[in-house]
N, C-alpha and C. Protein backbone atom coordinates (compact mmCIF):
# COMPACT_ATOMS: atom_id res chain seq x y z
N MET A 1 -10.34 2.29 23.59
CA MET A 1 -10.75 1.12 22.14
C MET A 1 -10.40 -0.29 22.27
N ASP A 2 -11.53 -0.77 21.98
CA ASP A 2 -11.49 -2.15 22.03
C ASP A 2 -10.44 -2.78 21.04
N SER A 3 -10.20 -3.98 21.04
CA SER A 3 -9.53 -4.58 19.86
C SER A 3 -9.73 -4.63 19.12
N SER A 4 -11.20 -4.95 18.89
CA SER A 4 -11.83 -5.45 17.84
C SER A 4 -11.87 -4.37 16.63
N SER A 5 -12.05 -3.08 17.25
CA SER A 5 -11.91 -1.31 16.27
C SER A 5 -10.69 -1.63 16.01
N LEU A 6 -9.46 -2.20 17.04
CA LEU A 6 -8.50 -1.65 16.69
C LEU A 6 -7.66 -2.80 15.54
N LYS A 7 -8.44 -3.76 15.35
CA LYS A 7 -7.80 -4.86 14.78
C LYS A 7 -9.07 -4.49 13.14
N LEU A 8 -9.74 -3.89 12.90
CA LEU A 8 -10.14 -3.23 11.49
C LEU A 8 -9.55 -2.48 11.10
N LYS A 9 -9.06 -1.94 12.06
CA LYS A 9 -8.50 0.08 11.44
C LYS A 9 -7.04 -0.84 11.26
N LEU A 10 -6.09 -1.52 12.03
CA LEU A 10 -5.15 -2.33 11.10
C LEU A 10 -5.32 -3.05 9.97
N PHE A 11 -6.57 -3.79 9.50
CA PHE A 11 -6.56 -4.15 8.76
C PHE A 11 -6.44 -3.44 7.79
N LEU A 12 -7.53 -2.63 7.62
CA LEU A 12 -7.92 -1.44 6.64
C LEU A 12 -6.82 -0.42 6.06
N VAL A 13 -5.87 -0.05 7.46
CA VAL A 13 -4.56 0.41 6.67
C VAL A 13 -3.77 -0.37 6.32
N LYS A 14 -3.83 -1.85 6.34
CA LYS A 14 -3.12 -2.80 5.80
C LYS A 14 -3.01 -2.82 3.96
N LYS A 15 -4.64 -2.89 4.31
CA LYS A 15 -5.01 -2.94 2.89
C LYS A 15 -4.76 -2.37 1.73
N ARG A 16 -5.26 -0.81 2.43
CA ARG A 16 -4.70 0.63 1.73
C ARG A 16 -3.02 0.38 1.80
N PHE A 17 -2.64 -0.19 2.76
CA PHE A 17 -0.88 0.17 2.01
C PHE A 17 -0.75 -0.82 1.00
N SER A 18 -1.14 -2.05 0.82
CA SER A 18 -0.89 -2.62 0.08
C SER A 18 -1.56 -2.37 -2.06
N VAL A 19 -2.44 -1.30 -1.59
CA VAL A 19 -3.02 -0.62 -3.05
C VAL A 19 -2.19 0.21 -3.01
N THR A 20 -1.67 0.88 -2.24
CA THR A 20 -0.71 1.89 -2.85
C THR A 20 0.32 1.33 -3.39
N LEU A 21 1.18 0.25 -2.36
CA LEU A 21 2.49 -0.20 -2.97
C LEU A 21 1.90 -0.86 -4.29
N SER A 22 0.68 -1.47 -4.74
CA SER A 22 0.52 -1.98 -5.74
C SER A 22 0.05 -1.25 -7.13
N LEU A 23 0.17 -0.05 -6.56
CA LEU A 23 0.07 1.37 -8.26
C LEU A 23 1.26 1.94 -7.64
N ILE A 24 2.60 1.87 -6.77
CA ILE A 24 3.60 2.49 -6.35
C ILE A 24 4.68 1.90 -7.74
N ILE A 25 4.66 0.51 -7.12
CA ILE A 25 5.81 -0.30 -7.91
C ILE A 25 6.09 -0.07 -9.13
N PRO A 26 4.86 -0.41 -10.20
CA PRO A 26 4.99 0.06 -11.55
C PRO A 26 5.19 1.17 -12.33
N LEU A 27 5.02 2.06 -11.24
CA LEU A 27 5.48 2.97 -11.89
C LEU A 27 7.04 3.76 -11.62
N LEU A 28 7.28 3.26 -10.67
CA LEU A 28 8.89 2.79 -10.07
C LEU A 28 9.40 2.10 -11.07
N PHE A 29 8.76 1.14 -11.61
CA PHE A 29 9.37 0.29 -12.82
C PHE A 29 9.36 0.95 -13.86
N LEU A 30 8.17 1.70 -14.15
CA LEU A 30 8.28 2.68 -15.54
C LEU A 30 9.55 3.33 -15.36
N LEU A 31 9.75 4.36 -14.17
CA LEU A 31 10.36 5.61 -14.18
C LEU A 31 11.92 5.03 -14.02
N LEU A 32 12.22 3.41 -13.95
CA LEU A 32 13.84 3.11 -14.09
C LEU A 32 13.56 2.57 -15.65
N GLN A 33 13.05 1.89 -16.19
CA GLN A 33 12.93 1.86 -17.72
C GLN A 33 13.31 3.11 -18.04
N ILE A 34 12.33 4.35 -18.28
CA ILE A 34 12.38 5.33 -18.71
C ILE A 34 14.17 5.93 -18.27
N ILE A 35 14.71 5.88 -17.15
CA ILE A 35 15.85 6.47 -16.60
C ILE A 35 17.21 5.62 -16.96
N TYR A 36 16.88 4.12 -17.57
CA TYR A 36 18.12 3.26 -17.94
C TYR A 36 17.64 2.87 -19.16
């Protein structure tokens, strides 16, 4: 595997991770609001 495709893969993973995080954080916040 060449380095450019590896970089692209890493970039996509990072992007997906940040999107997932931005979805999860509000949900967690809501959960905390409900519990407390």
